[in-house]
């Protein structure tokens, strides 16, 4: 198998991804990488796989329960009020 030469652009993106993973201690997502580098999420995924960094970052954005809880309760209260009137 022949060695594959990377373009300067790919090397720049790879360095930026590596830096972001290191700086955030792995608390970044592919979307964060794409926004930080200006590359597509697909490009970031391919670079991470090629470099062996696939397990070095978060795969999904995790919404804290404290933030989503009150909004869900307010929405449910609104729906109950609409169904049963203000007595609910």
N, C-alpha and C. Protein backbone atom coordinates (compact mmCIF):
# COMPACT_ATOMS: atom_id res chain seq x y z
N UNK A 1 0.84 -1.16 0.00
CA UNK A 1 0.00 0.00 0.00
C UNK A 1 0.89 1.24 0.00
N UNK A 2 0.57 2.20 -0.84
CA UNK A 2 1.38 3.40 -0.95
C UNK A 2 0.99 4.40 0.13
N UNK A 3 1.97 5.16 0.60
CA UNK A 3 1.69 6.21 1.56
C UNK A 3 0.88 7.31 0.89
N UNK A 4 -0.08 7.82 1.61
CA UNK A 4 -0.94 8.84 1.05
C UNK A 4 -0.47 10.21 1.54
N UNK A 5 -0.24 11.12 0.60
CA UNK A 5 0.18 12.46 0.96
C UNK A 5 -1.04 13.30 1.28
N UNK A 6 -0.97 14.02 2.40
CA UNK A 6 -2.07 14.90 2.78
C UNK A 6 -1.82 16.29 2.25
N UNK A 7 -2.88 16.96 1.94
CA UNK A 7 -2.75 18.34 1.49
C UNK A 7 -2.53 19.24 2.70
N UNK A 8 -1.99 20.42 2.48
CA UNK A 8 -1.82 21.36 3.60
C UNK A 8 -3.15 21.69 4.28
N UNK A 9 -4.23 21.74 3.51
CA UNK A 9 -5.55 22.02 4.09
C UNK A 9 -5.96 20.92 5.07
N UNK A 10 -5.78 19.66 4.67
CA UNK A 10 -6.13 18.54 5.54
C UNK A 10 -5.26 18.54 6.79
N UNK A 11 -3.98 18.84 6.63
CA UNK A 11 -3.08 18.90 7.78
C UNK A 11 -3.49 20.02 8.74
N UNK A 12 -3.93 21.15 8.20
CA UNK A 12 -4.39 22.26 9.04
C UNK A 12 -5.63 21.86 9.83
N UNK A 13 -6.59 21.25 9.13
CA UNK A 13 -7.83 20.82 9.79
C UNK A 13 -7.51 19.77 10.85
N UNK A 14 -6.64 18.83 10.54
CA UNK A 14 -6.27 17.79 11.50
C UNK A 14 -5.64 18.41 12.74
N UNK A 15 -4.77 19.38 12.55
CA UNK A 15 -4.14 20.03 13.70
C UNK A 15 -5.18 20.77 14.53
N UNK A 16 -6.11 21.47 13.87
CA UNK A 16 -7.16 22.18 14.60
C UNK A 16 -8.05 21.22 15.38
N UNK A 17 -8.38 20.08 14.78
CA UNK A 17 -9.18 19.07 15.48
C UNK A 17 -8.42 18.55 16.68
N UNK A 18 -7.16 18.20 16.47
CA UNK A 18 -6.33 17.69 17.57
C UNK A 18 -6.28 18.72 18.71
N UNK A 19 -6.07 19.98 18.35
CA UNK A 19 -5.99 21.04 19.36
C UNK A 19 -7.30 21.16 20.12
N UNK A 20 -8.44 21.13 19.42
CA UNK A 20 -9.75 21.25 20.06
C UNK A 20 -10.00 20.08 21.00
N UNK A 21 -9.66 18.87 20.57
CA UNK A 21 -9.83 17.69 21.43
C UNK A 21 -8.98 17.83 22.69
N UNK A 22 -7.74 18.27 22.53
CA UNK A 22 -6.85 18.43 23.68
C UNK A 22 -7.33 19.54 24.60
N UNK A 23 -7.71 20.67 24.04
CA UNK A 23 -8.12 21.84 24.82
C UNK A 23 -9.40 21.58 25.59
N UNK A 24 -10.31 20.82 25.01
CA UNK A 24 -11.61 20.56 25.66
C UNK A 24 -11.62 19.25 26.44
N UNK A 25 -10.49 18.56 26.50
CA UNK A 25 -10.39 17.26 27.17
C UNK A 25 -11.40 16.27 26.59
N UNK A 26 -11.63 16.35 25.29
CA UNK A 26 -12.55 15.42 24.62
C UNK A 26 -14.01 15.80 24.72
N UNK A 27 -14.30 16.95 25.35
CA UNK A 27 -15.69 17.39 25.50
C UNK A 27 -16.12 18.24 24.31
N UNK A 28 -15.94 17.70 23.12
CA UNK A 28 -16.36 18.38 21.90
C UNK A 28 -17.03 17.35 20.99
N UNK A 29 -17.82 17.84 20.07
CA UNK A 29 -18.54 16.97 19.14
C UNK A 29 -18.06 17.25 17.72
N UNK A 30 -18.52 16.45 16.79
CA UNK A 30 -18.19 16.68 15.38
C UNK A 30 -18.70 18.04 14.92
N UNK A 31 -19.84 18.44 15.42
CA UNK A 31 -20.38 19.75 15.06
C UNK A 31 -19.45 20.85 15.56
N UNK A 32 -18.94 20.71 16.79
CA UNK A 32 -17.98 21.68 17.32
C UNK A 32 -16.74 21.75 16.44
N UNK A 33 -16.26 20.58 16.02
CA UNK A 33 -15.07 20.52 15.17
C UNK A 33 -15.31 21.21 13.83
N UNK A 34 -16.47 20.94 13.25
CA UNK A 34 -16.80 21.54 11.95
C UNK A 34 -16.88 23.06 12.06
N UNK A 35 -17.52 23.55 13.12
CA UNK A 35 -17.62 24.99 13.32
C UNK A 35 -16.25 25.61 13.56
N UNK A 36 -15.41 24.93 14.33
CA UNK A 36 -14.09 25.45 14.68
C UNK A 36 -13.15 25.48 13.48
N UNK A 37 -13.22 24.45 12.64
CA UNK A 37 -12.29 24.35 11.52
C UNK A 37 -12.81 24.97 10.22
N UNK A 38 -14.12 25.08 10.10
CA UNK A 38 -14.71 25.55 8.86
C UNK A 38 -14.86 24.44 7.83
N UNK A 39 -14.59 23.21 8.24
CA UNK A 39 -14.73 22.04 7.36
C UNK A 39 -16.08 21.38 7.62
N UNK A 40 -16.45 20.46 6.76
CA UNK A 40 -17.72 19.75 6.95
C UNK A 40 -17.56 18.70 8.05
N UNK A 41 -18.70 18.27 8.59
CA UNK A 41 -18.66 17.23 9.61
C UNK A 41 -18.11 15.93 9.01
N UNK A 42 -18.42 15.68 7.75
CA UNK A 42 -17.91 14.47 7.09
C UNK A 42 -16.38 14.49 7.02
N UNK A 43 -15.82 15.65 6.65
CA UNK A 43 -14.36 15.77 6.60
C UNK A 43 -13.75 15.54 7.98
N UNK A 44 -14.36 16.13 9.00
CA UNK A 44 -13.87 15.95 10.36
C UNK A 44 -13.94 14.48 10.78
N UNK A 45 -15.02 13.81 10.43
CA UNK A 45 -15.17 12.38 10.75
C UNK A 45 -14.07 11.56 10.08
N UNK A 46 -13.85 11.83 8.81
CA UNK A 46 -12.83 11.07 8.08
C UNK A 46 -11.43 11.30 8.64
N UNK A 47 -11.12 12.53 8.98
CA UNK A 47 -9.81 12.83 9.56
C UNK A 47 -9.66 12.12 10.90
N UNK A 48 -10.69 12.18 11.74
CA UNK A 48 -10.62 11.53 13.05
C UNK A 48 -10.44 10.02 12.91
N UNK A 49 -11.15 9.41 11.98
CA UNK A 49 -10.99 7.96 11.76
C UNK A 49 -9.59 7.63 11.27
N UNK A 50 -9.10 8.41 10.31
CA UNK A 50 -7.78 8.16 9.74
C UNK A 50 -6.68 8.33 10.78
N UNK A 51 -6.83 9.29 11.67
CA UNK A 51 -5.80 9.58 12.68
C UNK A 51 -5.96 8.73 13.94
N UNK A 52 -7.06 7.98 14.04
CA UNK A 52 -7.28 7.15 15.23
C UNK A 52 -7.86 7.91 16.40
N UNK A 53 -8.56 9.01 16.12
CA UNK A 53 -9.14 9.84 17.18
C UNK A 53 -10.64 9.61 17.34
N UNK A 54 -11.16 8.56 16.77
CA UNK A 54 -12.62 8.34 16.78
C UNK A 54 -13.19 8.22 18.19
N UNK A 55 -12.42 7.76 19.15
CA UNK A 55 -12.93 7.63 20.51
C UNK A 55 -12.48 8.75 21.43
N UNK A 56 -11.90 9.81 20.86
CA UNK A 56 -11.32 10.87 21.68
C UNK A 56 -12.26 12.04 21.93
N UNK A 57 -13.48 11.98 21.40
CA UNK A 57 -14.42 13.09 21.56
C UNK A 57 -15.81 12.55 21.77
N UNK A 58 -16.73 13.43 22.22
CA UNK A 58 -18.12 13.02 22.43
C UNK A 58 -18.82 12.81 21.11
N UNK A 59 -19.68 11.83 21.06
CA UNK A 59 -20.39 11.53 19.81
C UNK A 59 -21.67 12.35 19.68
N UNK A 60 -22.25 12.76 20.80
CA UNK A 60 -23.52 13.47 20.77
C UNK A 60 -23.48 14.66 21.71
N UNK A 61 -24.38 15.58 21.47
CA UNK A 61 -24.56 16.69 22.38
C UNK A 61 -25.51 16.21 23.47
N UNK A 62 -25.13 16.43 24.70
CA UNK A 62 -25.96 16.02 25.82
C UNK A 62 -26.63 17.25 26.41
N UNK A 63 -27.96 17.27 26.40
CA UNK A 63 -28.69 18.38 26.98
C UNK A 63 -28.83 18.14 28.48
N UNK A 64 -28.38 19.07 29.28
CA UNK A 64 -28.52 18.91 30.73
C UNK A 64 -29.99 18.85 31.13
N UNK A 65 -30.32 17.95 32.03
CA UNK A 65 -31.71 17.77 32.47
C UNK A 65 -32.22 19.03 33.15
N UNK A 66 -31.37 19.76 33.84
CA UNK A 66 -31.80 20.97 34.54
C UNK A 66 -32.31 22.02 33.56
N UNK A 67 -31.77 22.05 32.36
CA UNK A 67 -32.21 23.03 31.38
C UNK A 67 -33.51 22.61 30.70
N UNK A 68 -33.68 21.34 30.42
CA UNK A 68 -34.86 20.90 29.68
C UNK A 68 -36.05 20.66 30.60
N UNK A 69 -35.81 20.38 31.86
CA UNK A 69 -36.89 20.08 32.80
C UNK A 69 -37.93 21.18 32.92
N UNK A 70 -37.52 22.42 33.28
CA UNK A 70 -38.52 23.49 33.43
C UNK A 70 -39.31 23.77 32.15
N UNK A 71 -38.66 23.69 30.99
CA UNK A 71 -39.38 23.94 29.74
C UNK A 71 -40.43 22.86 29.50
N UNK A 72 -40.09 21.62 29.83
CA UNK A 72 -41.04 20.53 29.63
C UNK A 72 -42.23 20.70 30.58
N UNK A 73 -41.97 21.10 31.82
CA UNK A 73 -43.05 21.28 32.79
C UNK A 73 -43.96 22.42 32.35
N UNK A 74 -43.38 23.54 31.89
CA UNK A 74 -44.19 24.66 31.42
C UNK A 74 -45.06 24.25 30.24
N UNK A 75 -44.52 23.48 29.30
CA UNK A 75 -45.29 23.03 28.15
C UNK A 75 -46.42 22.11 28.59
N UNK A 76 -46.14 21.22 29.52
CA UNK A 76 -47.16 20.31 30.02
C UNK A 76 -48.25 21.07 30.77
N UNK A 77 -47.85 22.05 31.59
CA UNK A 77 -48.84 22.87 32.30
C UNK A 77 -49.74 23.61 31.32
N UNK A 78 -49.15 24.12 30.25
CA UNK A 78 -49.94 24.82 29.23
C UNK A 78 -50.94 23.90 28.55
N UNK A 79 -50.50 22.68 28.25
CA UNK A 79 -51.40 21.72 27.61
C UNK A 79 -52.53 21.31 28.56
N UNK A 80 -52.22 21.07 29.83
CA UNK A 80 -53.25 20.71 30.79
C UNK A 80 -54.25 21.84 30.99
N UNK A 81 -53.76 23.07 31.05
CA UNK A 81 -54.65 24.21 31.20
C UNK A 81 -55.58 24.34 30.00
N UNK A 82 -55.05 24.08 28.82
CA UNK A 82 -55.87 24.16 27.61
C UNK A 82 -56.95 23.07 27.60
N UNK A 83 -56.60 21.89 28.10
CA UNK A 83 -57.57 20.78 28.10
C UNK A 83 -58.62 20.92 29.19
N UNK A 84 -58.21 21.32 30.38
CA UNK A 84 -59.12 21.31 31.52
C UNK A 84 -59.48 22.70 32.03
N UNK A 85 -59.04 23.73 31.39
CA UNK A 85 -59.33 25.09 31.84
C UNK A 85 -58.35 25.47 32.94
N UNK A 86 -58.51 26.63 33.50
CA UNK A 86 -57.60 27.15 34.51
C UNK A 86 -57.71 26.43 35.85
N UNK A 87 -58.71 25.60 36.05
CA UNK A 87 -58.88 24.87 37.32
C UNK A 87 -57.81 23.81 37.50
N UNK A 88 -57.16 23.37 36.43
CA UNK A 88 -56.18 22.29 36.49
C UNK A 88 -54.91 22.69 37.17
